[in-house]
Amino acid sequence: MNERNTEEIIREHFKKDSLFKNIKIEEGKSNNSKIKNLLSKSSKNKTENHGYPDFIITMPSFPDFVIIVECKANPVFHEDSKTNNIKDYAVNGVLHYAKDLSKEFDVIAIAASGQDKKELKVSNFLIGKEEKLEEKLLSIYDYISIYKGEGEAKKIENLNITDTAIQLNETLHEHEISADNRCTLIGAILLALEDRGFRLSYKSDSQSESDNKPDPKKLTKRILGAIKNVLVEKK
């Protein structure tokens, strides 16, 4: 078993999140001076040297909040409730780091063990509160909701949607698509994406054989077909 596989699951989980651009993720170290200071004597070997969890996630919107992740390859080494072995067990290790960070941060600690998504064992802890959290990897939206409430998470999500809309509008403007047609085009695309078949296959089905890029004619035909399916289905 290889711990790198576990780390890759964590890495991909957060990278694919729609709010990924709202976080800073560091691996095995941190450039945050406050975090570095708090972990300056956190070595799991008890040598009073620096120690770092596998992932440290911070958010500019919430400077006093940090998420840390500790990984183990084998689920057998997920938690040791008898001897508190912080070196070899994911839960014990992540709570060890969380204890030091909680002196100046609100901390969510995540322990993860396993080699693939199906068997991955996850424990989430909001340090300082006794509430039981779901035992699976959550979205960034969910972690913000746990920490600050759903209202704050919604604000971050809405800012992302607004930023995306502005960028999309600018791109269409650069291609000389009029304001009225921009609304029609985006509405058509959103409607087409309600068709599951189109949503799952449009990237591959609409590619040109020569350069693997979307073929406009094929893509237009697929969009119109998907819209028809949705309108018929919804009567």
Protein backbone atom coordinates (compact mmCIF):
# COMPACT_ATOMS: atom_id res chain seq x y z
CA MET A 1 0.00 0.00 0.00
CA ASN A 2 1.15 3.50 -0.81
CA GLU A 3 0.22 6.61 1.15
CA ARG A 4 0.73 8.68 -2.02
CA ASN A 5 -2.49 7.11 -3.37
CA THR A 6 -4.41 8.36 -0.34
CA GLU A 7 -2.92 11.82 -0.75
CA GLU A 8 -3.91 11.88 -4.41
CA ILE A 9 -7.54 11.17 -3.48
CA ILE A 10 -7.49 14.16 -1.11
CA ARG A 11 -5.72 16.37 -3.66
CA GLU A 12 -8.19 15.57 -6.43
CA HIS A 13 -11.20 15.93 -4.12
CA PHE A 14 -10.37 19.55 -3.35
CA LYS A 15 -9.06 20.46 -6.81
CA LYS A 16 -12.34 19.40 -8.41
CA ASP A 17 -14.39 21.43 -5.92
CA SER A 18 -16.26 24.42 -7.39
CA LEU A 19 -14.88 26.63 -4.59
CA PHE A 20 -11.26 25.50 -5.04
CA LYS A 21 -10.07 28.96 -6.03
CA ASN A 22 -11.19 30.24 -2.62
CA ILE A 23 -8.66 28.14 -0.73
CA LYS A 24 -4.91 27.82 -0.46
CA ILE A 25 -3.68 24.26 -0.10
CA GLU A 26 -0.14 23.42 1.06
CA GLU A 27 1.42 19.98 1.37
CA GLY A 28 3.76 18.95 4.15
CA LYS A 29 4.72 22.54 4.99
CA SER A 30 3.32 26.05 5.25
CA ASN A 31 4.45 29.55 4.39
CA ASN A 32 2.04 30.99 6.94
CA SER A 33 4.25 32.37 9.72
CA LYS A 34 1.62 31.83 12.44
CA ILE A 35 1.12 28.19 11.41
CA LYS A 36 4.88 27.62 11.20
CA ASN A 37 5.32 29.02 14.69
CA LEU A 38 2.52 26.93 16.19
CA LEU A 39 3.89 23.74 14.58
CA SER A 40 7.54 24.53 15.35
CA LYS A 41 7.68 21.78 17.99
CA SER A 42 5.00 19.44 16.65
CA SER A 43 7.13 16.61 15.32
CA LYS A 44 5.34 13.28 15.74
CA ASN A 45 8.71 11.81 16.75
CA LYS A 46 8.60 14.06 19.85
CA THR A 47 11.94 15.67 18.97
CA GLU A 48 10.62 19.25 19.40
CA ASN A 49 11.23 19.92 15.72
CA HIS A 50 8.76 21.18 13.13
CA GLY A 51 5.96 18.80 12.28
CA TYR A 52 3.33 19.23 9.58
CA PRO A 53 0.17 17.36 8.57
CA ASP A 54 -0.03 16.12 4.99
CA PHE A 55 -2.30 19.00 3.88
CA ILE A 56 -2.89 22.46 5.30
CA ILE A 57 -5.83 24.38 3.83
CA THR A 58 -6.39 28.05 4.56
CA MET A 59 -8.93 30.56 3.23
CA PRO A 60 -8.22 34.28 2.67
CA SER A 61 -11.89 34.99 3.48
CA PHE A 62 -11.46 33.40 6.92
CA PRO A 63 -7.88 34.07 8.12
CA ASP A 64 -8.46 32.47 11.55
CA PHE A 65 -9.69 29.17 10.08
CA VAL A 66 -7.58 26.21 8.96
CA ILE A 67 -8.36 22.70 7.70
CA ILE A 68 -5.68 20.04 8.14
CA VAL A 69 -5.55 16.52 6.71
CA GLU A 70 -3.50 13.52 7.80
CA CYS A 71 -3.38 10.45 5.53
CA LYS A 72 -2.54 6.78 6.01
CA ALA A 73 -2.44 4.15 3.28
CA ASN A 74 -4.03 1.34 5.29
CA PRO A 75 -7.44 1.76 7.01
CA VAL A 76 -6.07 -0.49 9.76
CA PHE A 77 -4.02 2.52 10.82
CA HIS A 78 -6.94 4.94 10.89
CA GLU A 79 -7.27 5.34 14.66
CA ASP A 80 -5.63 4.06 17.82
CA SER A 81 -7.94 4.55 20.79
CA LYS A 82 -5.76 2.64 23.27
CA THR A 83 -2.22 4.04 23.16
CA ASN A 84 -2.72 7.30 21.23
CA ASN A 85 -0.03 6.44 18.70
CA ILE A 86 0.31 9.82 16.92
CA LYS A 87 3.03 8.66 14.53
CA ASP A 88 1.32 5.68 12.91
CA TYR A 89 -2.41 6.53 13.04
CA ALA A 90 -4.27 9.14 11.01
CA VAL A 91 -6.82 10.30 13.62
CA ASN A 92 -4.27 10.50 16.43
CA GLY A 93 -1.79 12.33 14.21
CA VAL A 94 -4.21 14.95 12.89
CA LEU A 95 -5.57 15.67 16.38
CA HIS A 96 -1.98 16.07 17.58
CA TYR A 97 -1.41 18.88 15.05
CA ALA A 98 -4.87 20.34 15.64
CA LYS A 99 -4.15 20.73 19.35
CA ASP A 100 -1.23 23.07 18.61
CA LEU A 101 -3.01 24.99 15.84
CA SER A 102 -6.15 25.50 17.93
CA LYS A 103 -4.23 27.89 20.19
CA GLU A 104 -4.71 30.59 17.52
CA PHE A 105 -6.98 29.04 14.85
CA ASP A 106 -10.39 27.48 14.53
CA VAL A 107 -9.52 24.04 13.18
CA ILE A 108 -11.25 21.32 11.22
CA ALA A 109 -9.12 18.17 11.33
CA ILE A 110 -9.57 15.42 8.74
CA ALA A 111 -8.14 11.92 9.04
CA ALA A 112 -8.22 9.80 5.87
CA SER A 113 -7.03 6.27 5.21
CA GLY A 114 -7.38 3.90 2.27
CA GLN A 115 -6.27 3.37 -1.31
CA ASP A 116 -9.38 4.28 -3.30
CA LYS A 117 -12.52 6.39 -2.99
CA LYS A 118 -14.81 3.44 -2.27
CA GLU A 119 -12.85 2.14 0.70
CA LEU A 120 -11.62 5.51 1.98
CA LYS A 121 -12.20 5.90 5.70
CA VAL A 122 -12.68 9.49 6.84
CA SER A 123 -13.09 11.18 10.21
CA ASN A 124 -13.88 14.91 10.48
CA PHE A 125 -13.40 16.89 13.67
CA LEU A 126 -14.36 20.48 14.46
CA ILE A 127 -11.93 21.19 17.28
CA GLY A 128 -13.56 22.59 20.39
CA LYS A 129 -17.03 21.24 19.64
CA GLU A 130 -18.33 17.80 20.48
CA GLU A 131 -20.76 17.50 17.56
CA LYS A 132 -20.35 14.42 15.39
CA LEU A 133 -19.52 15.22 11.77
CA GLU A 134 -20.16 13.08 8.70
CA GLU A 135 -17.56 10.40 8.12
CA LYS A 136 -16.75 11.24 4.51
CA LEU A 137 -14.90 13.91 2.57
CA LEU A 138 -17.11 16.99 2.37
CA SER A 139 -17.19 19.89 -0.07
CA ILE A 140 -15.50 23.19 0.70
CA TYR A 141 -19.01 24.66 0.92
CA ASP A 142 -19.88 22.11 3.63
CA TYR A 143 -16.70 22.74 5.61
CA ILE A 144 -17.36 26.50 5.56
CA SER A 145 -20.95 25.81 6.64
CA ILE A 146 -19.74 23.75 9.59
CA TYR A 147 -17.39 26.53 10.65
CA LYS A 148 -19.32 29.73 9.86
CA GLY A 149 -22.83 28.60 8.98
CA GLU A 150 -24.56 28.09 5.65
CA GLY A 151 -25.16 31.82 5.17
CA GLU A 152 -21.43 32.55 4.94
CA ALA A 153 -20.87 29.56 2.66
CA LYS A 154 -23.65 30.83 0.38
CA LYS A 155 -21.97 34.24 0.18
CA ILE A 156 -18.73 32.65 -1.02
CA GLU A 157 -20.62 30.48 -3.52
CA ASN A 158 -22.55 33.49 -4.87
CA LEU A 159 -19.33 35.48 -5.30
CA ASN A 160 -17.94 32.59 -7.37
CA ILE A 161 -21.05 32.48 -9.56
CA THR A 162 -20.83 36.25 -10.09
CA ASP A 163 -17.13 36.06 -11.01
CA THR A 164 -17.84 33.26 -13.49
CA ALA A 165 -20.72 35.20 -15.05
CA ILE A 166 -18.53 38.29 -15.49
CA GLN A 167 -15.74 36.27 -17.12
CA LEU A 168 -18.22 34.51 -19.41
CA ASN A 169 -19.82 37.80 -20.41
CA GLU A 170 -16.40 39.27 -21.26
CA THR A 171 -15.49 36.22 -23.36
CA LEU A 172 -18.72 36.43 -25.37
CA HIS A 173 -18.24 40.18 -25.80
CA GLU A 174 -14.74 39.57 -27.20
CA HIS A 175 -16.32 37.26 -29.79
CA GLU A 176 -18.70 40.06 -30.81
CA ILE A 177 -21.84 38.31 -29.58
CA SER A 178 -24.51 40.92 -28.82
CA ALA A 179 -25.94 41.30 -25.31
CA ASP A 180 -29.33 39.87 -26.35
CA ASN A 181 -27.74 36.87 -28.01
CA ARG A 182 -25.51 36.27 -24.98
CA CYS A 183 -28.62 35.78 -22.83
CA THR A 184 -30.16 33.43 -25.40
CA LEU A 185 -26.93 31.44 -25.78
CA ILE A 186 -26.33 30.98 -22.04
CA GLY A 187 -30.00 30.13 -21.47
CA ALA A 188 -29.82 27.50 -24.22
CA ILE A 189 -26.65 25.96 -22.79
CA LEU A 190 -28.09 25.82 -19.26
CA LEU A 191 -31.25 24.20 -20.60
CA ALA A 192 -29.26 21.66 -22.60
CA LEU A 193 -27.24 20.76 -19.51
CA GLU A 194 -30.44 19.63 -17.82
CA ASP A 195 -30.40 16.68 -20.24
CA ARG A 196 -28.34 13.99 -18.51
CA GLY A 197 -27.17 12.36 -21.71
CA PHE A 198 -25.86 15.66 -23.07
CA ARG A 199 -24.30 16.58 -19.74
CA LEU A 200 -22.34 13.32 -19.56
CA SER A 201 -21.23 13.13 -23.17
CA TYR A 202 -21.02 16.54 -24.85
CA LYS A 203 -17.25 16.89 -24.38
CA SER A 204 -16.39 13.68 -26.21
CA ASP A 205 -19.30 13.54 -28.68
CA SER A 206 -18.69 17.04 -30.01
CA GLN A 207 -14.93 16.79 -30.57
CA SER A 208 -13.36 17.17 -33.96
CA GLU A 209 -11.44 14.05 -35.00
CA SER A 210 -8.47 16.10 -36.18
CA ASP A 211 -7.56 18.18 -33.12
CA ASN A 212 -9.71 16.92 -30.21
CA LYS A 213 -11.36 20.32 -29.91
CA PRO A 214 -15.12 20.92 -29.88
CA ASP A 215 -16.60 21.04 -33.38
CA PRO A 216 -19.06 24.00 -33.45
CA LYS A 217 -21.52 22.33 -35.84
CA LYS A 218 -21.59 19.07 -33.90
CA LEU A 219 -21.90 20.91 -30.59
CA THR A 220 -24.73 23.12 -31.86
CA LYS A 221 -26.63 20.07 -33.11
CA ARG A 222 -26.14 18.31 -29.77
CA ILE A 223 -27.32 21.39 -27.82
CA LEU A 224 -30.50 21.70 -29.91
CA GLY A 225 -31.21 17.99 -29.55
CA ALA A 226 -30.73 18.17 -25.77
CA ILE A 227 -33.03 21.21 -25.49
CA LYS A 228 -35.73 19.36 -27.43
CA ASN A 229 -35.41 16.35 -25.09
CA VAL A 230 -35.76 18.57 -22.01
CA LEU A 231 -38.77 20.49 -23.36
CA VAL A 232 -40.54 17.26 -24.39
CA GLU A 233 -39.80 15.66 -21.03
CA LYS A 234 -41.14 18.68 -19.14
CA LYS A 235 -44.12 18.97 -21.54
